[in-house]
Amino acid sequence: EPADERPTYPWDDGTAVMGILNVTPDSFHDGGEFDETEAAVRRAEEMVDAGADVIDVGGESTRPGAEPVSIVEERDRVVPVIERIAGVDALVSIDTRKAEVARAALSAGADIVNDVSGLDDPEMRFVAAEFDCPIVVMHSMSTPVDPDAEPEYDDVVEDSIRELEPLVRRCEQAGLDRDQVIVDPGLGFGKRRRESFELLGRLGEFRALDCPVLVGHSHKSMFELVGSEAGERLPATVAASALAAERGADIVRVHDVEETVAAVRVSEAAGAPHAFDHDE
């Protein structure tokens, strides 16, 4: 498509905030809290009111040791929610590893595919191309996370970039433009804590892929490195959101939308105060 015909996305200018909506009984942070459709719809509306640009709907937990879910069960969890929230003032993303679930979600009104498996399902890239929609490809050694897998990296940033490049090319070969392929370094997925921080600190290097970059760090165990235990990771998450925005993240994927929107705005105002000049 010529550039002027391409839809505009909230990450085209600045850092977009993606709010996490788990409709799963077993996600690690808010699992089971929003597994009823009504509650999920209410939660999505709250996140949009708080400034979310994207709502990421997931029906299968990717936390360590999670049980895999059947296609039918996962589809039946996410589609009713997506049908109800497709009209909200935000894009809707489907967080799935299965092409059939992605197709059902896109048909129900979703706008983006978020595939944490790094295209394990060979059909996934073709489904995204069929709907001409952005797709997030994550760098991951194993999904759901194998808690015992500790890959050895020569340089975690260079290795992740090198392993993401062929995934981006496969999406292009399926018919997507490079700027529709969003890369996710996969913090916490087959990474030690210090390696996750290294990815965050050197986020700018992912620009070499010429794709938008998504960072998912919300409430992850990486923050134990700086003394934040489970259940107490909101301040560290917000700090990392500001840092990610400052380092050039196009999208931050978080549970806590209101706090993250504030963090991103602070980062953007520090980078371009004139754009926020309301007080003269």
Protein backbone atom coordinates (compact mmCIF):
# COMPACT_ATOMS: atom_id res chain seq x y z
CA GLU A 1 0.00 0.00 0.00
CA PRO A 2 1.21 3.53 -0.63
CA ALA A 3 2.11 5.15 2.69
CA ASP A 4 -0.76 7.65 2.46
CA GLU A 5 -3.32 4.83 2.28
CA ARG A 6 -1.95 2.99 5.28
CA PRO A 7 -4.09 3.24 8.42
CA THR A 8 -2.55 5.35 11.16
CA TYR A 9 -1.66 3.59 14.39
CA PRO A 10 -1.35 5.04 17.90
CA TRP A 11 2.37 4.14 17.96
CA ASP A 12 3.13 6.19 14.83
CA ASP A 13 3.91 9.23 16.98
CA GLY A 14 5.02 8.40 20.50
CA THR A 15 4.57 5.38 22.77
CA ALA A 16 1.20 3.62 22.77
CA VAL A 17 -0.13 1.90 25.90
CA MET A 18 -1.54 -1.61 25.51
CA GLY A 19 -3.73 -2.75 28.41
CA ILE A 20 -3.74 -6.45 29.29
CA LEU A 21 -7.14 -8.13 29.53
CA ASN A 22 -6.78 -11.75 30.59
CA VAL A 23 -9.94 -13.80 30.17
CA THR A 24 -8.23 -16.84 31.66
CA PRO A 25 -8.74 -18.66 34.92
CA ASP A 26 -4.97 -18.95 35.52
CA SER A 27 -2.93 -15.89 34.52
CA PHE A 28 -0.26 -14.98 37.05
CA HIS A 29 -1.22 -11.40 37.85
CA ASP A 30 -4.98 -10.90 37.51
CA GLY A 31 -5.94 -14.51 36.76
CA GLY A 32 -9.54 -15.45 37.35
CA GLU A 33 -10.51 -11.90 38.21
CA PHE A 34 -12.00 -11.05 34.82
CA ASP A 35 -13.06 -14.38 33.35
CA GLU A 36 -16.73 -13.39 33.06
CA THR A 37 -17.63 -11.56 29.85
CA GLU A 38 -19.46 -8.71 31.62
CA ALA A 39 -16.57 -8.05 33.97
CA ALA A 40 -14.11 -8.22 31.08
CA VAL A 41 -16.08 -5.67 29.07
CA ARG A 42 -16.24 -3.34 32.09
CA ARG A 43 -12.50 -3.72 32.64
CA ALA A 44 -11.80 -2.92 28.97
CA GLU A 45 -13.92 0.24 29.20
CA GLU A 46 -12.06 1.29 32.37
CA MET A 47 -8.72 0.83 30.59
CA VAL A 48 -9.89 2.91 27.61
CA ASP A 49 -11.08 5.65 30.00
CA ALA A 50 -7.63 5.52 31.64
CA GLY A 51 -5.99 6.18 28.28
CA ALA A 52 -5.25 2.75 26.79
CA ASP A 53 -4.58 2.85 23.05
CA VAL A 54 -4.89 -0.92 22.63
CA ILE A 55 -6.71 -3.63 24.61
CA ASP A 56 -4.91 -6.99 24.43
CA VAL A 57 -7.36 -9.86 24.99
CA GLY A 58 -5.86 -13.21 25.95
CA GLY A 59 -7.58 -16.52 26.60
CA GLU A 60 -4.53 -18.63 27.42
CA SER A 61 -1.98 -17.94 30.13
CA THR A 62 1.68 -17.91 29.11
CA ARG A 63 2.93 -17.83 32.69
CA PRO A 64 5.50 -20.43 33.78
CA GLY A 65 3.95 -23.90 34.06
CA ALA A 66 0.61 -22.86 32.53
CA GLU A 67 -1.71 -25.53 31.15
CA PRO A 68 -2.26 -25.37 27.37
CA VAL A 69 -5.85 -24.65 26.31
CA SER A 70 -7.77 -26.19 23.38
CA ILE A 71 -8.57 -24.06 20.33
CA VAL A 72 -12.32 -24.28 21.01
CA GLU A 73 -12.03 -23.33 24.67
CA GLU A 74 -9.70 -20.42 23.94
CA ARG A 75 -11.91 -19.17 21.10
CA ASP A 76 -15.01 -19.38 23.28
CA ARG A 77 -13.31 -17.30 25.97
CA VAL A 78 -12.10 -14.45 23.77
CA VAL A 79 -14.65 -14.04 20.96
CA PRO A 80 -17.63 -12.93 23.11
CA VAL A 81 -15.45 -10.31 24.79
CA ILE A 82 -14.00 -9.04 21.50
CA GLU A 83 -17.45 -8.80 19.92
CA ARG A 84 -18.55 -6.61 22.82
CA ILE A 85 -15.48 -4.34 22.95
CA ALA A 86 -14.79 -3.96 19.22
CA GLY A 87 -16.58 -0.59 19.30
CA VAL A 88 -14.53 0.99 22.10
CA ASP A 89 -12.23 3.92 21.35
CA ALA A 90 -9.09 1.78 21.21
CA LEU A 91 -7.66 -0.93 19.01
CA VAL A 92 -8.26 -4.53 20.07
CA SER A 93 -5.46 -7.07 20.01
CA ILE A 94 -5.78 -10.86 20.27
CA ASP A 95 -3.06 -12.51 22.34
CA THR A 96 -2.85 -16.07 20.99
CA ARG A 97 -0.44 -18.67 19.64
CA LYS A 98 -3.12 -20.31 17.47
CA ALA A 99 -3.99 -19.14 13.95
CA GLU A 100 -7.58 -20.40 14.21
CA VAL A 101 -8.17 -18.36 17.37
CA ALA A 102 -6.59 -15.33 15.69
CA ARG A 103 -8.86 -15.72 12.66
CA ALA A 104 -11.99 -15.97 14.84
CA ALA A 105 -10.91 -12.94 16.87
CA LEU A 106 -10.12 -10.82 13.80
CA SER A 107 -13.48 -11.81 12.31
CA ALA A 108 -15.12 -10.69 15.58
CA GLY A 109 -13.52 -7.25 15.31
CA ALA A 110 -9.94 -7.48 16.61
CA ASP A 111 -7.36 -5.26 14.88
CA ILE A 112 -3.98 -6.76 15.85
CA VAL A 113 -2.50 -10.22 16.46
CA ASN A 114 -0.08 -10.65 19.39
CA ASP A 115 1.74 -13.98 19.03
CA VAL A 116 4.04 -14.73 21.95
CA SER A 117 5.23 -17.97 20.37
CA GLY A 118 7.17 -16.28 17.57
CA LEU A 119 5.05 -17.79 14.75
CA ASP A 120 4.99 -21.40 16.02
CA ASP A 121 1.71 -21.91 14.14
CA PRO A 122 2.76 -21.86 10.47
CA GLU A 123 -0.59 -20.33 9.45
CA MET A 124 -0.39 -17.34 11.80
CA ARG A 125 1.47 -14.96 9.45
CA PHE A 126 -0.96 -15.76 6.62
CA VAL A 127 -3.98 -15.01 8.82
CA ALA A 128 -2.49 -11.60 9.68
CA ALA A 129 -1.81 -10.97 5.98
CA GLU A 130 -5.35 -12.05 5.03
CA PHE A 131 -6.78 -9.41 7.40
CA ASP A 132 -3.96 -6.95 6.53
CA CYS A 133 -3.38 -6.32 10.23
CA PRO A 134 -0.33 -5.71 12.40
CA ILE A 135 1.20 -8.74 14.10
CA VAL A 136 3.42 -8.79 17.18
CA VAL A 137 6.18 -11.40 17.00
CA MET A 138 7.97 -12.15 20.24
CA HIS A 139 11.44 -13.51 20.83
CA SER A 140 10.88 -16.58 22.95
CA MET A 141 12.70 -19.85 23.48
CA SER A 142 9.63 -21.69 24.77
CA THR A 143 5.99 -20.77 25.36
CA PRO A 144 4.45 -21.36 27.88
CA VAL A 145 7.71 -20.56 29.62
CA ASP A 146 9.76 -23.55 30.67
CA PRO A 147 10.96 -22.38 34.08
CA ASP A 148 14.04 -24.63 33.81
CA ALA A 149 15.15 -23.50 30.34
CA GLU A 150 18.10 -21.12 30.60
CA PRO A 151 19.46 -20.52 27.11
CA GLU A 152 23.02 -19.28 26.84
CA TYR A 153 23.40 -16.01 24.94
CA ASP A 154 26.65 -14.56 23.65
CA ASP A 155 24.95 -11.17 23.74
CA VAL A 156 21.25 -11.29 24.61
CA VAL A 157 20.40 -8.17 22.57
CA GLU A 158 22.32 -9.09 19.43
CA ASP A 159 21.11 -12.71 19.63
CA SER A 160 17.46 -11.66 20.04
CA ILE A 161 17.70 -9.26 17.09
CA ARG A 162 19.35 -11.91 14.93
CA GLU A 163 16.64 -14.47 15.80
CA LEU A 164 13.79 -12.00 15.22
CA GLU A 165 14.99 -11.00 11.73
CA PRO A 166 13.89 -14.27 9.98
CA LEU A 167 10.48 -14.03 11.71
CA VAL A 168 10.04 -10.52 10.31
CA ARG A 169 11.08 -11.76 6.86
CA ARG A 170 8.58 -14.64 7.02
CA CYS A 171 5.80 -12.13 7.75
CA GLU A 172 6.91 -10.03 4.77
CA GLN A 173 6.91 -13.14 2.56
CA ALA A 174 3.30 -13.78 3.66
CA GLY A 175 2.35 -10.32 2.37
CA LEU A 176 2.72 -7.98 5.34
CA ASP A 177 4.70 -4.74 5.24
CA ARG A 178 7.67 -4.51 7.59
CA ASP A 179 6.02 -1.69 9.54
CA GLN A 180 3.06 -4.01 10.25
CA VAL A 181 5.39 -6.45 12.02
CA ILE A 182 5.89 -5.40 15.63
CA VAL A 183 8.85 -7.01 17.40
CA ASP A 184 8.82 -7.89 21.11
CA PRO A 185 12.20 -8.72 22.73
CA GLY A 186 10.38 -11.11 25.08
CA LEU A 187 11.47 -9.89 28.51
CA GLY A 188 11.32 -12.81 30.95
CA PHE A 189 10.84 -15.42 28.20
CA GLY A 190 13.99 -17.57 28.31
CA LYS A 191 15.92 -14.64 29.79
CA ARG A 192 17.62 -14.27 33.15
CA ARG A 193 16.65 -11.20 35.16
CA ARG A 194 19.76 -9.22 34.29
CA GLU A 195 19.29 -10.18 30.62
CA SER A 196 15.75 -8.77 30.70
CA PHE A 197 17.17 -5.52 32.08
CA GLU A 198 19.85 -5.53 29.40
CA LEU A 199 17.12 -5.81 26.73
CA LEU A 200 15.28 -2.90 28.34
CA GLY A 201 18.41 -0.76 28.62
CA ARG A 202 19.51 -1.40 25.04
CA LEU A 203 16.04 -1.24 23.51
CA GLY A 204 17.20 1.30 20.94
CA GLU A 205 19.27 -1.38 19.21
CA PHE A 206 16.07 -3.15 18.10
CA ARG A 207 15.55 -0.18 15.75
CA ALA A 208 17.96 -2.04 13.44
CA LEU A 209 15.02 -4.31 12.49
CA ASP A 210 13.10 -1.30 11.12
CA CYS A 211 9.91 -2.45 12.88
CA PRO A 212 7.84 -1.01 15.71
CA VAL A 213 9.00 -2.36 19.09
CA LEU A 214 6.73 -3.60 21.89
CA VAL A 215 7.92 -4.08 25.48
CA GLY A 216 6.09 -6.39 27.90
CA HIS A 217 7.55 -6.07 31.39
CA SER A 218 4.48 -5.69 33.59
CA HIS A 219 4.82 -7.25 37.06
CA LYS A 220 7.43 -9.75 35.83
CA SER A 221 9.91 -11.55 38.07
CA MET A 222 12.77 -9.58 36.46
CA PHE A 223 12.02 -6.89 39.06
CA GLU A 224 13.26 -9.19 41.85
CA LEU A 225 16.69 -8.05 40.64
CA VAL A 226 15.91 -4.65 42.17
CA GLY A 227 14.11 -6.02 45.23
CA SER A 228 10.48 -5.96 44.05
CA GLU A 229 8.64 -9.10 45.13
CA ALA A 230 5.44 -10.51 43.57
CA GLY A 231 2.44 -8.35 44.45
CA GLU A 232 4.67 -5.29 44.99
CA ARG A 233 5.87 -4.68 41.45
CA LEU A 234 3.69 -1.74 40.40
CA PRO A 235 6.27 0.99 41.15
CA ALA A 236 9.02 -0.92 39.34
CA THR A 237 6.68 -1.61 36.41
CA VAL A 238 5.82 2.09 36.09
CA ALA A 239 9.49 3.08 36.28
CA ALA A 240 10.31 0.57 33.54
CA SER A 241 7.44 1.93 31.41
CA ALA A 242 8.94 5.43 31.57
CA LEU A 243 12.37 4.04 30.74
CA ALA A 244 11.01 1.95 27.84
CA ALA A 245 9.24 5.01 26.39
CA GLU A 246 12.42 7.06 26.77
CA ARG A 247 14.45 4.34 25.01
CA GLY A 248 12.05 4.38 22.06
CA ALA A 249 9.43 1.69 22.76
CA ASP A 250 6.51 2.07 20.34
CA ILE A 251 4.16 0.09 22.59
CA VAL A 252 4.28 -0.84 26.27
CA ARG A 253 2.04 -3.74 27.33
CA VAL A 254 0.86 -3.40 30.93
CA HIS A 255 -1.78 -4.32 33.51
CA ASP A 256 -1.85 -0.84 35.09
CA VAL A 257 -2.96 1.57 32.38
CA GLU A 258 -3.52 4.80 34.29
CA GLU A 259 -0.09 4.73 35.96
CA THR A 260 1.64 3.76 32.72
CA VAL A 261 -0.04 6.50 30.69
CA ALA A 262 1.33 8.99 33.24
CA ALA A 263 4.82 7.45 33.00
CA VAL A 264 4.79 7.59 29.20
CA ARG A 265 3.57 11.21 29.19
CA VAL A 266 6.33 12.23 31.60
CA SER A 267 8.90 10.61 29.33
CA GLU A 268 7.44 12.27 26.23
CA ALA A 269 7.23 15.68 27.91
CA ALA A 270 10.88 15.43 28.95
CA GLY A 271 11.77 14.66 25.34
CA ALA A 272 9.57 17.32 23.75
CA PRO A 273 8.25 19.81 26.33
CA HIS A 274 7.01 22.21 23.62
CA ALA A 275 4.45 19.59 22.55
CA PHE A 276 2.84 19.87 26.01
CA ASP A 277 2.97 23.65 26.31
CA HIS A 278 -0.46 24.35 27.82
CA ASP A 279 0.57 26.86 30.48
CA GLU A 280 1.72 29.88 28.49
